[in-house]
N, C-alpha and C. Protein backbone atom coordinates (compact mmCIF):
# COMPACT_ATOMS: atom_id res chain seq x y z
N MET A 1 0.44 -0.80 0.26
CA MET A 1 0.38 -0.11 -0.09
C MET A 1 0.96 1.31 -0.37
N ASP A 2 0.77 2.14 -1.16
CA ASP A 2 1.05 3.50 -0.75
C ASP A 2 1.45 3.86 0.15
N MET A 3 2.48 4.95 0.97
CA MET A 3 3.30 4.90 2.34
C MET A 3 1.62 6.93 2.37
N ASN A 4 0.99 7.24 1.20
CA ASN A 4 0.63 8.25 1.76
C ASN A 4 -1.24 7.60 1.67
N LYS A 5 -0.87 6.35 1.33
CA LYS A 5 -2.67 5.38 1.71
C LYS A 5 -2.95 5.20 3.15
N VAL A 6 -4.53 5.39 3.27
CA VAL A 6 -4.90 4.59 4.55
C VAL A 6 -5.87 3.87 3.91
N GLU A 7 -6.18 3.00 4.98
CA GLU A 7 -7.52 1.98 5.49
C GLU A 7 -8.10 2.76 6.05
N LYS A 8 -9.36 2.66 6.15
CA LYS A 8 -10.76 2.78 7.16
C LYS A 8 -11.43 1.76 6.97
N VAL A 9 -11.82 0.68 7.67
CA VAL A 9 -13.41 -0.58 7.97
C VAL A 9 -14.13 0.29 8.73
N ILE A 10 -14.79 -0.11 7.91
CA ILE A 10 -17.25 0.23 8.67
C ILE A 10 -17.13 -1.20 8.19
N ILE A 11 -17.41 -2.25 9.84
CA ILE A 11 -18.51 -3.43 9.78
C ILE A 11 -20.63 -2.76 9.55
N SER A 12 -20.45 -3.21 8.06
CA SER A 12 -22.71 -2.57 8.24
C SER A 12 -22.94 -3.51 7.63
N GLY A 13 -24.27 -3.70 8.82
CA GLY A 13 -25.49 -4.01 8.81
C GLY A 13 -26.27 -3.77 6.89
N VAL A 14 -25.80 -3.79 6.47
CA VAL A 14 -26.19 -2.47 5.04
C VAL A 14 -26.77 -4.18 4.71
N PRO A 15 -27.53 -4.32 3.35
CA PRO A 15 -27.56 -5.66 2.97
C PRO A 15 -27.03 -5.66 1.52
N LEU A 16 -25.68 -6.71 1.55
CA LEU A 16 -24.55 -6.37 0.41
C LEU A 16 -24.59 -5.78 -1.03
N LYS A 17 -25.98 -6.44 -1.02
CA LYS A 17 -26.21 -5.96 -2.99
C LYS A 17 -26.51 -4.50 -2.86
N TYR A 18 -26.96 -3.63 -1.55
CA TYR A 18 -27.53 -2.14 -1.51
C TYR A 18 -26.07 -1.81 -1.79
N ILE A 19 -25.25 -2.12 -0.67
CA ILE A 19 -23.54 -1.20 -0.97
C ILE A 19 -23.20 -1.30 -2.29
N GLU A 20 -23.43 -2.87 -2.64
CA GLU A 20 -22.52 -3.27 -4.55
C GLU A 20 -23.56 -1.91 -4.98
N SER A 21 -24.91 -2.00 -4.78
CA SER A 21 -25.33 -1.07 -5.94
C SER A 21 -24.99 0.69 -5.11
N TYR A 22 -24.98 1.08 -5.29
CA TYR A 22 -23.97 2.05 -4.54
C TYR A 22 -22.28 3.02 -4.88
N LEU A 23 -22.28 1.97 -4.52
CA LEU A 23 -20.25 1.83 -4.93
C LEU A 23 -20.20 1.83 -6.95
N ALA A 24 -21.16 0.92 -7.53
CA ALA A 24 -21.88 1.00 -8.24
C ALA A 24 -21.75 2.63 -9.39
N GLU A 25 -22.32 2.73 -8.73
CA GLU A 25 -22.90 4.33 -9.03
C GLU A 25 -21.62 5.30 -9.02
N ILE A 26 -21.08 5.11 -7.69
CA ILE A 26 -20.06 6.27 -7.55
C ILE A 26 -18.75 6.00 -7.61
N ALA A 27 -18.01 4.79 -8.64
CA ALA A 27 -16.85 4.43 -9.04
C ALA A 27 -16.95 4.35 -10.40
N ASP A 28 -15.76 5.11 -10.75
CA ASP A 28 -15.67 4.65 -12.14
C ASP A 28 -14.67 3.34 -13.23
N SER A 29 -15.13 2.51 -11.81
CA SER A 29 -14.45 0.63 -12.35
C SER A 29 -15.14 0.19 -11.23
N ILE A 30 -16.02 -1.04 -11.55
CA ILE A 30 -15.65 -2.30 -10.73
C ILE A 30 -14.54 -3.47 -11.27
N LYS A 31 -13.58 -3.78 -10.00
CA LYS A 31 -13.09 -5.44 -9.88
C LYS A 31 -13.18 -5.73 -9.40
N PRO A 32 -12.62 -7.61 -9.62
CA PRO A 32 -12.62 -9.22 -9.52
C PRO A 32 -12.48 -8.35 -7.91
N GLY A 33 -13.18 -9.65 -7.03
CA GLY A 33 -12.33 -9.39 -5.74
C GLY A 33 -13.03 -8.77 -5.27
N GLY A 34 -14.53 -7.35 -5.36
CA GLY A 34 -15.26 -6.81 -4.97
C GLY A 34 -14.39 -5.36 -4.20
N PHE A 35 -14.32 -4.85 -5.49
CA PHE A 35 -13.34 -3.76 -5.38
C PHE A 35 -13.71 -3.10 -6.06
N TYR A 36 -14.14 -1.69 -6.05
CA TYR A 36 -14.57 -0.52 -6.54
C TYR A 36 -13.39 0.95 -6.87
N ALA A 37 -13.21 0.97 -7.97
CA ALA A 37 -12.16 2.16 -8.44
C ALA A 37 -13.02 3.34 -7.91
N GLY A 38 -12.27 4.41 -7.49
CA GLY A 38 -12.53 6.17 -8.10
C GLY A 38 -10.79 6.02 -8.64
N PRO A 39 -10.84 7.82 -9.50
CA PRO A 39 -9.89 8.75 -9.83
C PRO A 39 -8.81 8.30 -8.87
N ASP A 40 -8.86 8.30 -6.96
CA ASP A 40 -7.97 8.18 -6.69
C ASP A 40 -8.39 7.05 -5.49
N TRP A 41 -8.92 7.09 -5.41
CA TRP A 41 -9.07 5.73 -4.13
C TRP A 41 -9.81 4.59 -5.25
N GLU A 42 -9.98 3.66 -3.60
CA GLU A 42 -10.32 2.21 -3.54
C GLU A 42 -10.86 1.60 -2.83
N ILE A 43 -12.59 0.65 -2.63
CA ILE A 43 -12.84 0.61 -1.97
C ILE A 43 -13.23 -1.23 -2.18
N GLN A 44 -12.70 -1.92 -1.26
CA GLN A 44 -12.91 -2.83 -0.99
C GLN A 44 -14.44 -3.56 -0.81
N VAL A 45 -15.29 -3.81 -0.76
CA VAL A 45 -16.09 -5.11 0.22
C VAL A 45 -16.29 -6.45 -0.08
N VAL A 46 -16.10 -6.79 1.70
CA VAL A 46 -15.95 -8.10 1.81
C VAL A 46 -17.46 -8.87 2.92
N SER A 47 -18.05 -9.63 2.09
CA SER A 47 -18.90 -10.53 3.55
C SER A 47 -18.36 -10.75 4.11
N ALA A 48 -19.45 -10.42 5.92
CA ALA A 48 -18.31 -11.13 7.23
C ALA A 48 -19.36 -12.02 7.14
N GLN A 49 -19.34 -12.55 8.13
CA GLN A 49 -20.38 -13.75 9.21
C GLN A 49 -21.31 -12.54 10.02
N ASP A 50 -22.29 -13.02 10.07
CA ASP A 50 -23.69 -12.64 10.68
C ASP A 50 -23.67 -12.59 11.51
N LYS A 51 -23.95 -11.38 12.32
CA LYS A 51 -24.90 -11.11 13.53
C LYS A 51 -25.52 -11.59 13.59
N ARG A 52 -25.66 -12.28 15.42
CA ARG A 52 -26.74 -13.60 15.99
C ARG A 52 -27.03 -12.61 17.50
N PHE A 53 -28.61 -12.12 17.04
CA PHE A 53 -28.65 -11.90 18.88
C PHE A 53 -30.41 -12.60 18.96
N ARG A 54 -30.17 -13.76 19.00
CA ARG A 54 -31.49 -15.26 19.62
C ARG A 54 -31.52 -15.41 17.97
N ASN A 55 -32.84 -14.82 17.70
CA ASN A 55 -33.34 -15.61 16.50
C ASN A 55 -33.12 -14.26 15.52
N ILE A 56 -33.04 -13.82 15.59
CA ILE A 56 -32.31 -12.88 14.30
C ILE A 56 -31.09 -12.19 14.25
N SER A 57 -30.92 -12.63 12.30
CA SER A 57 -29.80 -12.27 12.28
C SER A 57 -29.26 -11.47 11.11
N ILE A 58 -28.28 -10.73 11.54
CA ILE A 58 -28.60 -9.55 10.91
C ILE A 58 -26.86 -9.61 9.54
N PRO A 59 -27.22 -9.50 8.84
CA PRO A 59 -26.01 -9.77 8.19
C PRO A 59 -25.02 -8.04 7.89
N GLN A 60 -23.68 -8.68 8.22
CA GLN A 60 -22.60 -8.12 8.38
C GLN A 60 -21.43 -7.75 7.23
N THR A 61 -21.52 -6.70 6.59
CA THR A 61 -19.87 -6.95 5.74
C THR A 61 -19.36 -5.90 5.87
N LYS A 62 -17.83 -5.88 5.86
CA LYS A 62 -17.12 -5.31 5.74
C LYS A 62 -16.90 -4.17 4.66
N VAL A 63 -16.49 -3.01 5.02
CA VAL A 63 -16.21 -1.78 3.63
C VAL A 63 -14.36 -1.47 4.01
N ILE A 64 -14.09 -1.51 2.86
CA ILE A 64 -12.54 -1.23 3.59
C ILE A 64 -12.65 0.09 2.27
N PHE A 65 -12.11 1.33 2.85
CA PHE A 65 -11.83 2.46 1.89
C PHE A 65 -10.42 2.72 1.90
N ILE A 66 -10.09 2.93 1.02
CA ILE A 66 -8.23 2.97 0.88
C ILE A 66 -8.32 3.96 -0.66
N SER A 67 -7.37 5.33 0.02
CA SER A 67 -7.54 6.34 0.21
C SER A 67 -6.37 7.12 0.35
N ASP A 68 -6.11 7.94 0.00
CA ASP A 68 -5.79 9.35 1.67
C ASP A 68 -6.56 9.52 2.05
N ALA A 69 -5.95 10.22 3.83
CA ALA A 69 -6.95 10.65 4.23
C ALA A 69 -8.24 11.39 4.10
N GLU A 70 -8.04 12.33 3.96
CA GLU A 70 -8.81 13.13 3.75
C GLU A 70 -9.76 13.01 2.57
N THR A 71 -9.59 11.90 1.29
CA THR A 71 -10.77 11.16 0.28
C THR A 71 -11.05 9.95 1.64
N ALA A 72 -10.32 9.29 2.41
CA ALA A 72 -11.23 8.22 2.60
C ALA A 72 -12.15 8.88 3.76
N GLU A 73 -12.62 9.49 4.35
CA GLU A 73 -12.94 10.63 5.51
C GLU A 73 -13.87 10.73 4.44
N GLN A 74 -14.21 11.19 3.56
CA GLN A 74 -15.02 12.37 2.57
C GLN A 74 -15.90 10.57 2.26
N LEU A 75 -15.37 9.88 1.77
CA LEU A 75 -16.38 8.30 0.84
C LEU A 75 -16.90 7.78 2.26
N VAL A 76 -16.35 8.05 3.38
CA VAL A 76 -17.33 7.21 4.50
C VAL A 76 -18.12 7.93 4.65
N GLN A 77 -17.96 9.33 5.20
CA GLN A 77 -19.04 10.02 5.52
C GLN A 77 -20.52 10.18 4.70
N GLY A 78 -19.07 9.88 3.21
CA GLY A 78 -20.90 9.45 2.51
C GLY A 78 -21.47 8.61 1.95
N PHE A 79 -21.32 7.11 2.24
CA PHE A 79 -21.53 6.21 2.78
C PHE A 79 -22.68 6.45 4.44
N ARG A 80 -21.66 6.71 5.14
CA ARG A 80 -22.63 6.65 6.44
C ARG A 80 -23.90 7.45 6.41
N ILE A 81 -23.88 8.01 5.33
CA ILE A 81 -25.04 9.64 4.83
C ILE A 81 -26.71 8.04 4.07
N LYS A 82 -25.64 7.75 2.97
CA LYS A 82 -26.18 7.07 2.60
C LYS A 82 -27.25 6.15 2.97
N PHE A 83 -27.06 5.28 4.25
CA PHE A 83 -27.28 4.68 4.70
C PHE A 83 -27.21 5.19 5.52
N MET A 84 -28.04 6.12 6.11
CA MET A 84 -28.22 6.67 7.37
C MET A 84 -29.25 6.35 7.55
N SER A 85 -30.04 5.52 8.90
CA SER A 85 -31.53 5.50 8.68
C SER A 85 -31.91 5.71 10.60
N ALA A 86 -33.39 5.71 10.90
CA ALA A 86 -33.78 6.40 12.10
C ALA A 86 -33.75 4.62 12.70
N GLY A 87 -33.64 4.74 13.93
CA GLY A 87 -34.14 3.50 14.43
C GLY A 87 -35.53 3.74 15.20
N GLY A 88 -36.37 2.66 16.41
CA GLY A 88 -37.72 2.96 16.64
C GLY A 88 -38.10 2.17 17.36
């Protein structure tokens, strides 16, 4: 990894198909292995083990943002805003 690049990791409960759809919209290219690339960034999506609470299973997806620190933070914030939801 380039020394100026950082990795920011989010473990998300958003279903993988929604994450992939969002990333396909913002990426310039999609590469094998769950990689989505923009002009100066890359995001990798990896399925993780579902989280279980008694009889409920919540999907878990690891989303890895790879870029310079400022761009990575912008991408993370955009991701969080896109998938923000109110609980109740």
